[in-house]
């Protein structure tokens, strides 16, 4: 550990821990990531790591908080001042894909957590994030229907489910292929098909 890294603030160290977990999740089975592995990846002892987090669950909570904050912030910037609701939806779609492309460990962690039958804190936080995400989508769906850009009979709930599911499909196919660059290549084509299903054709 460098001398300068010894004097990092607690908040900075917690952010570095979250980033280390996401990096590790992109390289190995997330369920096998231990606090010892996290500490080793950061060049710390487990004792030093526990000064910032009392246990692994606290680390996973921090990871989910980091994901929610960064993803929603990225989306807010992407949709700001877009010319139309449909343009905002496209920017939101691409911003989400770009975020996952930069952090492929995130979906691997989420998929791992969702396979657990019990109600874990990360799973609950993922559910809350999904609700916030769909509320943002519904805002643009309603705007689009009101201005005539989207089909007035559009089922917003189904459209939100398909929007999220399309991103998940792009991500899953890329993970199966072992090449995250597939996401950026396929995302515009997938959104093109999606938008043809929701726009007003009259």
N, C-alpha and C. Protein backbone atom coordinates (compact mmCIF):
# COMPACT_ATOMS: atom_id res chain seq x y z
N UNK A 1 0.84 -1.19 0.00
CA UNK A 1 0.00 0.00 0.00
C UNK A 1 0.88 1.24 0.00
N UNK A 2 0.62 2.21 -0.85
CA UNK A 2 1.42 3.43 -0.90
C UNK A 2 1.16 4.25 0.34
N UNK A 3 2.14 5.13 0.67
CA UNK A 3 2.00 5.96 1.86
C UNK A 3 0.81 6.88 1.76
N UNK A 4 0.51 7.39 0.55
CA UNK A 4 -0.62 8.31 0.39
C UNK A 4 -1.95 7.61 0.62
N UNK A 5 -2.03 6.30 0.25
CA UNK A 5 -3.29 5.59 0.39
C UNK A 5 -3.62 5.31 1.85
N UNK A 6 -2.62 5.40 2.74
CA UNK A 6 -2.86 5.16 4.15
C UNK A 6 -3.72 6.24 4.78
N UNK A 7 -3.76 7.40 4.14
CA UNK A 7 -4.42 8.56 4.74
C UNK A 7 -5.71 8.93 4.03
N UNK A 8 -6.29 7.99 3.30
CA UNK A 8 -7.56 8.25 2.64
C UNK A 8 -8.67 8.37 3.67
N UNK A 9 -9.67 9.20 3.36
CA UNK A 9 -10.80 9.35 4.27
C UNK A 9 -11.64 8.08 4.31
N UNK A 10 -12.45 7.95 5.36
CA UNK A 10 -13.30 6.78 5.47
C UNK A 10 -14.26 6.67 4.30
N UNK A 11 -14.82 7.79 3.86
CA UNK A 11 -15.77 7.78 2.74
C UNK A 11 -15.08 7.34 1.46
N UNK A 12 -13.87 7.84 1.23
CA UNK A 12 -13.13 7.44 0.03
C UNK A 12 -12.82 5.95 0.07
N UNK A 13 -12.44 5.46 1.25
CA UNK A 13 -12.13 4.04 1.38
C UNK A 13 -13.37 3.18 1.14
N UNK A 14 -14.54 3.66 1.59
CA UNK A 14 -15.78 2.90 1.38
C UNK A 14 -16.12 2.84 -0.11
N UNK A 15 -15.91 3.96 -0.82
CA UNK A 15 -16.17 3.97 -2.26
C UNK A 15 -15.21 3.02 -2.97
N UNK A 16 -13.96 3.02 -2.55
CA UNK A 16 -12.97 2.12 -3.16
C UNK A 16 -13.34 0.67 -2.90
N UNK A 17 -13.93 0.39 -1.74
CA UNK A 17 -14.36 -0.98 -1.43
C UNK A 17 -15.48 -1.41 -2.37
N UNK A 18 -16.45 -0.52 -2.57
CA UNK A 18 -17.56 -0.81 -3.49
C UNK A 18 -17.02 -1.07 -4.88
N UNK A 19 -16.12 -0.23 -5.34
CA UNK A 19 -15.57 -0.41 -6.69
C UNK A 19 -14.78 -1.70 -6.80
N UNK A 20 -14.09 -2.07 -5.71
CA UNK A 20 -13.34 -3.33 -5.71
C UNK A 20 -14.28 -4.53 -5.83
N UNK A 21 -15.41 -4.49 -5.12
CA UNK A 21 -16.38 -5.58 -5.19
C UNK A 21 -16.94 -5.71 -6.61
N UNK A 22 -17.26 -4.58 -7.24
CA UNK A 22 -17.81 -4.60 -8.59
C UNK A 22 -16.78 -5.14 -9.58
N UNK A 23 -15.51 -4.76 -9.40
CA UNK A 23 -14.45 -5.29 -10.26
C UNK A 23 -14.31 -6.80 -10.09
N UNK A 24 -14.32 -7.25 -8.84
CA UNK A 24 -14.19 -8.68 -8.57
C UNK A 24 -15.37 -9.46 -9.15
N UNK A 25 -16.57 -8.88 -9.07
CA UNK A 25 -17.77 -9.55 -9.59
C UNK A 25 -17.68 -9.72 -11.11
N UNK A 26 -16.93 -8.85 -11.77
CA UNK A 26 -16.75 -8.98 -13.21
C UNK A 26 -15.74 -10.04 -13.58
N UNK A 27 -14.99 -10.53 -12.58
CA UNK A 27 -13.92 -11.49 -12.84
C UNK A 27 -14.19 -12.88 -12.30
N UNK A 28 -15.08 -13.00 -11.30
CA UNK A 28 -15.32 -14.30 -10.68
C UNK A 28 -16.77 -14.42 -10.23
N UNK A 29 -17.14 -15.60 -9.76
CA UNK A 29 -18.48 -15.83 -9.27
C UNK A 29 -18.76 -14.91 -8.08
N UNK A 30 -19.74 -14.01 -8.20
CA UNK A 30 -20.00 -13.07 -7.10
C UNK A 30 -20.28 -13.73 -5.76
N UNK A 31 -20.89 -14.92 -5.77
CA UNK A 31 -21.21 -15.60 -4.51
C UNK A 31 -19.95 -16.05 -3.78
N UNK A 32 -18.83 -16.11 -4.49
CA UNK A 32 -17.58 -16.58 -3.89
C UNK A 32 -16.68 -15.44 -3.44
N UNK A 33 -17.16 -14.21 -3.58
CA UNK A 33 -16.35 -13.06 -3.15
C UNK A 33 -16.42 -12.94 -1.63
N UNK A 34 -15.31 -13.09 -0.98
CA UNK A 34 -15.24 -13.02 0.47
C UNK A 34 -14.64 -11.68 0.89
N UNK A 35 -14.80 -11.36 2.17
CA UNK A 35 -14.18 -10.13 2.68
C UNK A 35 -12.65 -10.23 2.58
N UNK A 36 -12.13 -11.45 2.70
CA UNK A 36 -10.68 -11.64 2.56
C UNK A 36 -10.24 -11.30 1.14
N UNK A 37 -11.04 -11.74 0.14
CA UNK A 37 -10.71 -11.46 -1.26
C UNK A 37 -10.81 -9.96 -1.55
N UNK A 38 -11.80 -9.32 -0.96
CA UNK A 38 -11.96 -7.87 -1.16
C UNK A 38 -10.77 -7.14 -0.58
N UNK A 39 -10.40 -7.50 0.64
CA UNK A 39 -9.27 -6.85 1.30
C UNK A 39 -7.98 -7.06 0.51
N UNK A 40 -7.77 -8.28 0.03
CA UNK A 40 -6.57 -8.58 -0.76
C UNK A 40 -6.53 -7.75 -2.04
N UNK A 41 -7.68 -7.64 -2.70
CA UNK A 41 -7.77 -6.87 -3.95
C UNK A 41 -7.41 -5.40 -3.71
N UNK A 42 -7.73 -4.91 -2.51
CA UNK A 42 -7.47 -3.51 -2.17
C UNK A 42 -6.10 -3.30 -1.53
N UNK A 43 -5.40 -4.41 -1.23
CA UNK A 43 -4.11 -4.28 -0.56
C UNK A 43 -4.26 -3.96 0.91
N UNK A 44 -5.36 -4.44 1.52
CA UNK A 44 -5.62 -4.20 2.93
C UNK A 44 -5.69 -5.52 3.69
N UNK A 45 -5.69 -5.43 5.00
CA UNK A 45 -5.98 -6.59 5.82
C UNK A 45 -7.49 -6.63 6.06
N UNK A 46 -8.03 -7.79 6.43
CA UNK A 46 -9.45 -7.85 6.75
C UNK A 46 -9.80 -6.92 7.90
N UNK A 47 -8.89 -6.83 8.86
CA UNK A 47 -9.12 -5.95 9.99
C UNK A 47 -9.30 -4.51 9.56
N UNK A 48 -8.47 -4.08 8.59
CA UNK A 48 -8.58 -2.71 8.09
C UNK A 48 -9.90 -2.51 7.36
N UNK A 49 -10.34 -3.53 6.60
CA UNK A 49 -11.61 -3.44 5.88
C UNK A 49 -12.78 -3.31 6.86
N UNK A 50 -12.73 -4.04 7.95
CA UNK A 50 -13.82 -4.01 8.93
C UNK A 50 -13.89 -2.71 9.72
N UNK A 51 -12.90 -1.85 9.55
CA UNK A 51 -13.00 -0.52 10.17
C UNK A 51 -14.02 0.34 9.42
N UNK A 52 -14.28 -0.03 8.16
CA UNK A 52 -15.20 0.76 7.32
C UNK A 52 -16.55 0.07 7.13
N UNK A 53 -16.57 -1.24 7.24
CA UNK A 53 -17.81 -2.01 7.10
C UNK A 53 -17.83 -3.10 8.17
N UNK A 54 -18.92 -3.24 8.92
CA UNK A 54 -18.95 -4.24 9.99
C UNK A 54 -19.02 -5.68 9.48
N UNK A 55 -19.56 -5.87 8.26
CA UNK A 55 -19.69 -7.22 7.72
C UNK A 55 -19.93 -7.15 6.21
N UNK A 56 -20.05 -8.32 5.58
CA UNK A 56 -20.23 -8.37 4.12
C UNK A 56 -21.57 -7.81 3.70
N UNK A 57 -22.61 -8.02 4.50
CA UNK A 57 -23.93 -7.48 4.17
C UNK A 57 -23.89 -5.96 4.06
N UNK A 58 -23.14 -5.33 4.93
CA UNK A 58 -23.01 -3.87 4.87
C UNK A 58 -22.31 -3.43 3.60
N UNK A 59 -21.36 -4.24 3.15
CA UNK A 59 -20.68 -3.94 1.89
C UNK A 59 -21.64 -4.06 0.72
N UNK A 60 -22.45 -5.12 0.71
CA UNK A 60 -23.42 -5.31 -0.37
C UNK A 60 -24.46 -4.20 -0.38
N UNK A 61 -24.87 -3.74 0.79
CA UNK A 61 -25.80 -2.61 0.86
C UNK A 61 -25.16 -1.37 0.22
N UNK A 62 -23.90 -1.13 0.54
CA UNK A 62 -23.19 0.03 -0.02
C UNK A 62 -23.06 -0.09 -1.54
N UNK A 63 -22.85 -1.31 -2.02
CA UNK A 63 -22.76 -1.53 -3.47
C UNK A 63 -24.07 -1.14 -4.14
N UNK A 64 -25.18 -1.59 -3.59
CA UNK A 64 -26.49 -1.29 -4.17
C UNK A 64 -26.79 0.20 -4.11
N UNK A 65 -26.41 0.87 -3.03
CA UNK A 65 -26.61 2.31 -2.93
C UNK A 65 -25.79 3.03 -3.99
N UNK A 66 -24.57 2.56 -4.21
CA UNK A 66 -23.68 3.15 -5.22
C UNK A 66 -24.29 2.96 -6.61
N UNK A 67 -24.77 1.76 -6.89
CA UNK A 67 -25.37 1.47 -8.20
C UNK A 67 -26.59 2.35 -8.44
N UNK A 68 -27.48 2.44 -7.46
CA UNK A 68 -28.71 3.22 -7.61
C UNK A 68 -28.38 4.69 -7.85
N UNK A 69 -27.46 5.22 -7.07
CA UNK A 69 -27.11 6.64 -7.20
C UNK A 69 -26.46 6.94 -8.54
N UNK A 70 -25.51 6.11 -8.93
CA UNK A 70 -24.77 6.35 -10.18
C UNK A 70 -25.65 6.13 -11.40
N UNK A 71 -26.46 5.08 -11.39
CA UNK A 71 -27.30 4.79 -12.55
C UNK A 71 -28.35 5.88 -12.75
N UNK A 72 -29.04 6.27 -11.69
CA UNK A 72 -30.08 7.29 -11.83
C UNK A 72 -29.49 8.64 -12.21
N UNK A 73 -28.31 8.95 -11.68
CA UNK A 73 -27.64 10.19 -12.05
C UNK A 73 -27.26 10.18 -13.53
N UNK A 74 -26.77 9.04 -14.00
CA UNK A 74 -26.41 8.91 -15.43
C UNK A 74 -27.65 9.09 -16.31
N UNK A 75 -28.75 8.53 -15.88
CA UNK A 75 -29.98 8.64 -16.65
C UNK A 75 -30.50 10.07 -16.65
N UNK A 76 -30.48 10.72 -15.49
CA UNK A 76 -30.93 12.11 -15.40
C UNK A 76 -30.17 13.01 -16.38
N UNK A 77 -28.86 12.81 -16.45
CA UNK A 77 -28.04 13.61 -17.37
C UNK A 77 -28.38 13.28 -18.82
N UNK A 78 -28.63 12.01 -19.09
CA UNK A 78 -28.88 11.58 -20.47
C UNK A 78 -30.19 12.13 -21.01
N UNK A 79 -31.22 12.22 -20.17
CA UNK A 79 -32.54 12.64 -20.66
C UNK A 79 -32.75 14.14 -20.56
N UNK A 80 -31.82 14.85 -19.94
CA UNK A 80 -32.00 16.29 -19.72
C UNK A 80 -32.15 17.03 -21.05
N UNK A 81 -33.20 17.82 -21.15
CA UNK A 81 -33.44 18.71 -22.29
C UNK A 81 -33.54 17.98 -23.63
N UNK A 82 -33.98 16.72 -23.62
CA UNK A 82 -34.19 16.03 -24.89
C UNK A 82 -35.43 16.60 -25.59
N UNK A 83 -35.39 16.55 -26.93
CA UNK A 83 -36.42 17.23 -27.72
C UNK A 83 -37.79 16.57 -27.61
N UNK A 84 -37.85 15.29 -27.29
CA UNK A 84 -39.13 14.61 -27.26
C UNK A 84 -39.09 13.45 -26.26
N UNK A 85 -40.23 12.96 -25.83
CA UNK A 85 -40.26 11.81 -24.91
C UNK A 85 -39.57 10.57 -25.50
N UNK A 86 -39.77 10.33 -26.78
CA UNK A 86 -39.15 9.16 -27.40
C UNK A 86 -37.63 9.30 -27.44
N UNK A 87 -37.16 10.52 -27.70
CA UNK A 87 -35.71 10.76 -27.69
C UNK A 87 -35.15 10.55 -26.28
N UNK A 88 -35.92 10.96 -25.27
CA UNK A 88 -35.49 10.76 -23.89
C UNK A 88 -35.43 9.27 -23.55
N UNK A 89 -36.41 8.52 -24.01
CA UNK A 89 -36.42 7.07 -23.76
C UNK A 89 -35.21 6.40 -24.42
N UNK A 90 -34.88 6.82 -25.62
CA UNK A 90 -33.71 6.25 -26.30
C UNK A 90 -32.43 6.58 -25.54
N UNK A 91 -32.32 7.82 -25.08
CA UNK A 91 -31.13 8.22 -24.32
C UNK A 91 -31.03 7.46 -23.01
N UNK A 92 -32.18 7.23 -22.39
CA UNK A 92 -32.22 6.47 -21.14
C UNK A 92 -31.77 5.03 -21.38
N UNK A 93 -32.24 4.44 -22.45
CA UNK A 93 -31.88 3.06 -22.81
C UNK A 93 -30.37 2.95 -23.03
N UNK A 94 -29.83 3.86 -23.83
CA UNK A 94 -28.41 3.79 -24.16
C UNK A 94 -27.53 4.12 -22.97
N UNK A 95 -27.97 5.07 -22.12
CA UNK A 95 -27.20 5.42 -20.93
C UNK A 95 -27.11 4.22 -19.98
N UNK A 96 -28.21 3.50 -19.86
CA UNK A 96 -28.23 2.31 -19.00
C UNK A 96 -27.27 1.25 -19.54
N UNK A 97 -27.32 1.01 -20.83
CA UNK A 97 -26.43 0.02 -21.44
C UNK A 97 -24.97 0.44 -21.28
N UNK A 98 -24.68 1.71 -21.50
CA UNK A 98 -23.31 2.21 -21.34
C UNK A 98 -22.82 2.00 -19.91
N UNK A 99 -23.69 2.25 -18.95
CA UNK A 99 -23.33 2.09 -17.54
C UNK A 99 -22.96 0.64 -17.25
N UNK A 100 -23.75 -0.30 -17.74
CA UNK A 100 -23.48 -1.71 -17.52
C UNK A 100 -22.23 -2.16 -18.28
N UNK A 101 -22.02 -1.60 -19.46
CA UNK A 101 -20.82 -1.94 -20.23
C UNK A 101 -19.56 -1.55 -19.45
N UNK A 102 -19.63 -0.43 -18.76
CA UNK A 102 -18.49 0.03 -17.97
C UNK A 102 -18.33 -0.76 -16.67
N UNK A 103 -19.44 -1.34 -16.18
CA UNK A 103 -19.39 -2.08 -14.91
C UNK A 103 -20.08 -3.44 -15.06
N UNK A 104 -19.51 -4.36 -15.82
CA UNK A 104 -20.19 -5.64 -16.07
C UNK A 104 -20.36 -6.50 -14.82
N UNK A 105 -19.66 -6.17 -13.75
CA UNK A 105 -19.83 -6.92 -12.52
C UNK A 105 -21.18 -6.70 -11.87
N UNK A 106 -21.82 -5.56 -12.18
CA UNK A 106 -23.10 -5.22 -11.55
C UNK A 106 -24.20 -6.22 -11.89
N UNK A 107 -24.47 -6.50 -13.16
CA UNK A 107 -25.54 -7.48 -13.45
C UNK A 107 -25.21 -8.87 -12.92
N UNK A 108 -23.93 -9.23 -12.90
CA UNK A 108 -23.57 -10.54 -12.38
C UNK A 108 -23.90 -10.62 -10.89
N UNK A 109 -23.67 -9.54 -10.16
CA UNK A 109 -24.02 -9.51 -8.74
C UNK A 109 -25.52 -9.56 -8.53
N UNK A 110 -26.26 -8.78 -9.33
CA UNK A 110 -27.71 -8.75 -9.19
C UNK A 110 -28.34 -10.09 -9.51
N UNK A 111 -27.90 -10.71 -10.59
CA UNK A 111 -28.45 -12.01 -10.96
C UNK A 111 -28.16 -13.04 -9.86
N UNK A 112 -26.99 -12.92 -9.25
CA UNK A 112 -26.61 -13.83 -8.16
C UNK A 112 -27.53 -13.63 -6.96
N UNK A 113 -27.78 -12.38 -6.61
CA UNK A 113 -28.64 -12.08 -5.46
C UNK A 113 -30.08 -12.53 -5.70
N UNK A 114 -30.56 -12.33 -6.92
CA UNK A 114 -31.95 -12.67 -7.23
C UNK A 114 -32.21 -14.17 -7.20
N UNK A 115 -31.16 -14.97 -7.27
CA UNK A 115 -31.33 -16.42 -7.20
C UNK A 115 -31.53 -16.90 -5.77
N UNK A 116 -31.26 -16.05 -4.81
CA UNK A 116 -31.44 -16.43 -3.40
C UNK A 116 -32.91 -16.33 -3.03
N UNK A 117 -33.42 -17.37 -2.37
CA UNK A 117 -34.86 -17.42 -2.07
C UNK A 117 -35.26 -16.44 -0.97
N UNK A 118 -34.34 -16.15 -0.04
CA UNK A 118 -34.69 -15.27 1.06
C UNK A 118 -34.68 -13.81 0.63
N UNK A 119 -35.36 -12.97 1.41
CA UNK A 119 -35.41 -11.54 1.12
C UNK A 119 -34.16 -10.87 1.68
N UNK A 120 -33.16 -10.69 0.84
CA UNK A 120 -31.92 -10.05 1.27
C UNK A 120 -32.05 -8.54 1.11
N UNK A 121 -31.18 -7.82 1.82
CA UNK A 121 -31.18 -6.36 1.70
C UNK A 121 -30.86 -5.92 0.27
N UNK A 122 -29.84 -6.49 -0.39
CA UNK A 122 -29.58 -6.11 -1.78
C UNK A 122 -30.78 -6.34 -2.70
N UNK A 123 -31.50 -7.47 -2.48
CA UNK A 123 -32.67 -7.76 -3.30
C UNK A 123 -33.76 -6.71 -3.08
N UNK A 124 -33.99 -6.34 -1.83
CA UNK A 124 -34.99 -5.32 -1.51
C UNK A 124 -34.62 -3.98 -2.13
N UNK A 125 -33.33 -3.66 -2.09
CA UNK A 125 -32.88 -2.39 -2.67
C UNK A 125 -33.00 -2.41 -4.19
N UNK A 126 -32.77 -3.57 -4.79
CA UNK A 126 -32.93 -3.70 -6.24
C UNK A 126 -34.40 -3.51 -6.63
N UNK A 127 -35.30 -4.01 -5.79
CA UNK A 127 -36.73 -3.83 -6.05
C UNK A 127 -37.12 -2.35 -5.97
N UNK A 128 -36.55 -1.65 -4.98
CA UNK A 128 -36.82 -0.21 -4.84
C UNK A 128 -36.29 0.56 -6.04
N UNK A 129 -35.08 0.20 -6.49
CA UNK A 129 -34.50 0.86 -7.66
C UNK A 129 -35.36 0.63 -8.89
N UNK A 130 -35.87 -0.59 -9.05
CA UNK A 130 -36.72 -0.91 -10.20
C UNK A 130 -37.99 -0.07 -10.18
N UNK A 131 -38.57 0.13 -9.00
CA UNK A 131 -39.76 0.96 -8.89
C UNK A 131 -39.47 2.41 -9.29
N UNK A 132 -38.36 2.94 -8.82
CA UNK A 132 -37.97 4.31 -9.19
C UNK A 132 -37.74 4.41 -10.69
N UNK A 133 -37.12 3.40 -11.24
CA UNK A 133 -36.81 3.37 -12.66
C UNK A 133 -38.09 3.38 -13.49
N UNK A 134 -39.05 2.55 -13.09
CA UNK A 134 -40.30 2.47 -13.84
C UNK A 134 -41.12 3.75 -13.70
N UNK A 135 -41.02 4.42 -12.55
CA UNK A 135 -41.69 5.70 -12.41
C UNK A 135 -41.14 6.71 -13.41
N UNK A 136 -39.84 6.69 -13.62
CA UNK A 136 -39.22 7.58 -14.60
C UNK A 136 -39.72 7.24 -16.00
N UNK A 137 -39.79 5.96 -16.31
CA UNK A 137 -40.30 5.54 -17.61
C UNK A 137 -41.75 5.98 -17.81
N UNK A 138 -42.57 5.77 -16.79
CA UNK A 138 -43.99 6.15 -16.89
C UNK A 138 -44.17 7.63 -17.16
N UNK A 139 -43.28 8.44 -16.61
CA UNK A 139 -43.33 9.89 -16.86
C UNK A 139 -43.21 10.17 -18.35
N UNK A 140 -42.26 9.52 -19.00
CA UNK A 140 -42.05 9.75 -20.43
C UNK A 140 -43.14 9.10 -21.27
N UNK A 141 -43.66 7.95 -20.81
CA UNK A 141 -44.77 7.34 -21.54
C UNK A 141 -45.99 8.27 -21.55
N UNK A 142 -46.30 8.84 -20.40
CA UNK A 142 -47.46 9.74 -20.33
C UNK A 142 -47.24 10.99 -21.16
N UNK A 143 -46.03 11.53 -21.11
CA UNK A 143 -45.72 12.70 -21.95
C UNK A 143 -45.89 12.36 -23.42
N UNK A 144 -45.38 11.19 -23.80
CA UNK A 144 -45.46 10.78 -25.20
C UNK A 144 -46.88 10.57 -25.67
N UNK A 145 -47.71 10.00 -24.82
CA UNK A 145 -49.12 9.81 -25.19
C UNK A 145 -49.84 11.15 -25.29
N UNK A 146 -49.54 12.05 -24.37
CA UNK A 146 -50.20 13.36 -24.36
C UNK A 146 -49.85 14.21 -25.58
N UNK A 147 -48.61 14.09 -26.05
CA UNK A 147 -48.21 14.90 -27.21
C UNK A 147 -48.45 14.18 -28.53
N UNK A 148 -48.90 12.93 -28.47
CA UNK A 148 -49.22 12.20 -29.69
C UNK A 148 -48.05 11.45 -30.31
N UNK A 149 -46.90 11.47 -29.64
CA UNK A 149 -45.73 10.77 -30.20
C UNK A 149 -45.83 9.26 -29.97
N UNK A 150 -46.43 8.87 -28.85
CA UNK A 150 -46.60 7.45 -28.55
C UNK A 150 -48.07 7.06 -28.70
N UNK A 151 -48.30 5.79 -28.91
CA UNK A 151 -49.65 5.25 -29.05
C UNK A 151 -50.48 5.60 -27.81
N UNK A 152 -51.60 6.25 -28.02
CA UNK A 152 -52.45 6.67 -26.92
C UNK A 152 -52.99 5.54 -26.09
N UNK A 153 -53.05 4.34 -26.66
CA UNK A 153 -53.54 3.17 -25.94
C UNK A 153 -52.41 2.35 -25.33
N UNK A 154 -51.21 2.91 -25.33
CA UNK A 154 -50.05 2.18 -24.81
C UNK A 154 -50.26 1.77 -23.36
N UNK A 155 -50.02 0.51 -23.05
CA UNK A 155 -50.06 0.00 -21.68
C UNK A 155 -48.70 0.33 -21.05
N UNK A 156 -48.69 1.36 -20.21
CA UNK A 156 -47.42 1.85 -19.67
C UNK A 156 -46.70 0.81 -18.83
N UNK A 157 -47.47 0.04 -18.07
CA UNK A 157 -46.83 -0.98 -17.22
C UNK A 157 -46.14 -2.05 -18.07
N UNK A 158 -46.83 -2.49 -19.11
CA UNK A 158 -46.24 -3.50 -19.99
C UNK A 158 -45.06 -2.92 -20.76
N UNK A 159 -45.17 -1.65 -21.17
CA UNK A 159 -44.09 -1.01 -21.91
C UNK A 159 -42.85 -0.86 -21.04
N UNK A 160 -43.05 -0.56 -19.74
CA UNK A 160 -41.92 -0.44 -18.81
C UNK A 160 -41.25 -1.80 -18.60
N UNK A 161 -42.07 -2.83 -18.46
CA UNK A 161 -41.53 -4.18 -18.29
C UNK A 161 -40.71 -4.60 -19.50
N UNK A 162 -41.21 -4.28 -20.70
CA UNK A 162 -40.50 -4.64 -21.92
C UNK A 162 -39.22 -3.83 -22.07
N UNK A 163 -39.24 -2.56 -21.67
CA UNK A 163 -38.06 -1.70 -21.74
C UNK A 163 -36.94 -2.30 -20.89
N UNK A 164 -37.28 -2.58 -19.62
CA UNK A 164 -36.28 -3.16 -18.71
C UNK A 164 -35.85 -4.54 -19.18
N UNK A 165 -36.82 -5.34 -19.63
CA UNK A 165 -36.51 -6.68 -20.10
C UNK A 165 -35.61 -6.69 -21.33
N UNK A 166 -35.77 -5.69 -22.19
CA UNK A 166 -34.92 -5.59 -23.38
C UNK A 166 -33.47 -5.33 -23.00
N UNK A 167 -33.29 -4.46 -22.02
CA UNK A 167 -31.93 -4.19 -21.54
C UNK A 167 -31.34 -5.43 -20.90
N UNK A 168 -32.14 -6.10 -20.07
CA UNK A 168 -31.66 -7.32 -19.43
C UNK A 168 -31.29 -8.38 -20.46
N UNK A 169 -32.07 -8.46 -21.53
CA UNK A 169 -31.76 -9.43 -22.59
C UNK A 169 -30.45 -9.11 -23.27
N UNK A 170 -30.22 -7.84 -23.59
CA UNK A 170 -28.97 -7.42 -24.22
C UNK A 170 -27.79 -7.74 -23.30
N UNK A 171 -27.97 -7.45 -22.02
CA UNK A 171 -26.90 -7.71 -21.05
C UNK A 171 -26.63 -9.20 -20.92
N UNK A 172 -27.68 -9.99 -20.78
CA UNK A 172 -27.51 -11.44 -20.60
C UNK A 172 -26.83 -12.08 -21.81
N UNK A 173 -27.24 -11.68 -23.02
CA UNK A 173 -26.62 -12.24 -24.22
C UNK A 173 -25.14 -11.89 -24.29
N UNK A 174 -24.78 -10.69 -23.85
CA UNK A 174 -23.37 -10.28 -23.86
C UNK A 174 -22.58 -11.08 -22.84
N UNK A 175 -23.17 -11.32 -21.66
CA UNK A 175 -22.47 -12.11 -20.65
C UNK A 175 -22.28 -13.55 -21.11
N UNK A 176 -23.29 -14.08 -21.78
CA UNK A 176 -23.17 -15.45 -22.30
C UNK A 176 -22.06 -15.52 -23.35
N UNK A 177 -22.00 -14.48 -24.20
CA UNK A 177 -20.98 -14.44 -25.25
C UNK A 177 -19.59 -14.15 -24.69
N UNK A 178 -19.55 -13.63 -23.45
CA UNK A 178 -18.26 -13.28 -22.86
C UNK A 178 -17.64 -12.05 -23.48
N UNK A 179 -18.46 -11.17 -24.03
CA UNK A 179 -17.96 -9.97 -24.70
C UNK A 179 -18.93 -8.82 -24.43
N UNK A 180 -18.58 -7.94 -23.50
CA UNK A 180 -19.50 -6.85 -23.13
C UNK A 180 -19.68 -5.84 -24.26
N UNK A 181 -18.76 -5.84 -25.24
CA UNK A 181 -18.91 -4.91 -26.36
C UNK A 181 -20.16 -5.22 -27.18
N UNK A 182 -20.71 -6.44 -27.05
CA UNK A 182 -21.95 -6.80 -27.74
C UNK A 182 -23.08 -5.88 -27.31
N UNK A 183 -23.04 -5.42 -26.08
CA UNK A 183 -24.12 -4.58 -25.57
C UNK A 183 -24.27 -3.31 -26.40
N UNK A 184 -23.16 -2.61 -26.58
CA UNK A 184 -23.23 -1.34 -27.32
C UNK A 184 -23.59 -1.57 -28.78
N UNK A 185 -23.13 -2.68 -29.34
CA UNK A 185 -23.43 -2.95 -30.75
C UNK A 185 -24.91 -3.29 -30.96
N UNK A 186 -25.48 -4.03 -30.04
CA UNK A 186 -26.85 -4.51 -30.21
C UNK A 186 -27.91 -3.56 -29.66
N UNK A 187 -27.55 -2.74 -28.68
CA UNK A 187 -28.54 -1.89 -28.02
C UNK A 187 -29.31 -0.98 -28.99
N UNK A 188 -28.65 -0.27 -29.92
CA UNK A 188 -29.43 0.60 -30.82
C UNK A 188 -30.43 -0.17 -31.68
N UNK A 189 -30.04 -1.36 -32.12
CA UNK A 189 -30.95 -2.16 -32.95
C UNK A 189 -32.13 -2.66 -32.12
N UNK A 190 -31.87 -3.06 -30.88
CA UNK A 190 -32.94 -3.54 -30.01
C UNK A 190 -33.91 -2.41 -29.70
N UNK A 191 -33.36 -1.22 -29.41
CA UNK A 191 -34.26 -0.10 -29.11
C UNK A 191 -35.07 0.28 -30.35
N UNK A 192 -34.47 0.16 -31.53
CA UNK A 192 -35.19 0.47 -32.76
C UNK A 192 -36.44 -0.38 -32.90
N UNK A 193 -36.32 -1.67 -32.57
CA UNK A 193 -37.48 -2.56 -32.61
C UNK A 193 -38.49 -2.17 -31.54
N UNK A 194 -37.98 -1.85 -30.35
CA UNK A 194 -38.85 -1.48 -29.22
C UNK A 194 -39.68 -0.24 -29.55
N UNK A 195 -39.03 0.78 -30.09
CA UNK A 195 -39.75 2.03 -30.33
C UNK A 195 -40.82 1.89 -31.40
N UNK A 196 -40.61 0.98 -32.35
CA UNK A 196 -41.63 0.76 -33.38
C UNK A 196 -42.91 0.19 -32.76
N UNK A 197 -42.76 -0.47 -31.63
CA UNK A 197 -43.92 -1.07 -30.97
C UNK A 197 -44.70 -0.09 -30.12
N UNK A 198 -44.09 1.04 -29.70
CA UNK A 198 -44.77 1.96 -28.79
C UNK A 198 -45.15 3.30 -29.44
N UNK A 199 -44.56 3.62 -30.58
CA UNK A 199 -44.83 4.94 -31.15
C UNK A 199 -46.17 4.97 -31.85
N UNK A 200 -46.67 6.17 -32.00
CA UNK A 200 -47.95 6.39 -32.67
C UNK A 200 -47.71 6.31 -34.17
N UNK A 201 -48.37 5.41 -34.86
CA UNK A 201 -48.15 5.23 -36.29
C UNK A 201 -49.21 5.95 -37.13
N UNK A 202 -50.14 6.64 -36.50
CA UNK A 202 -51.19 7.34 -37.26
C UNK A 202 -50.66 8.62 -37.87
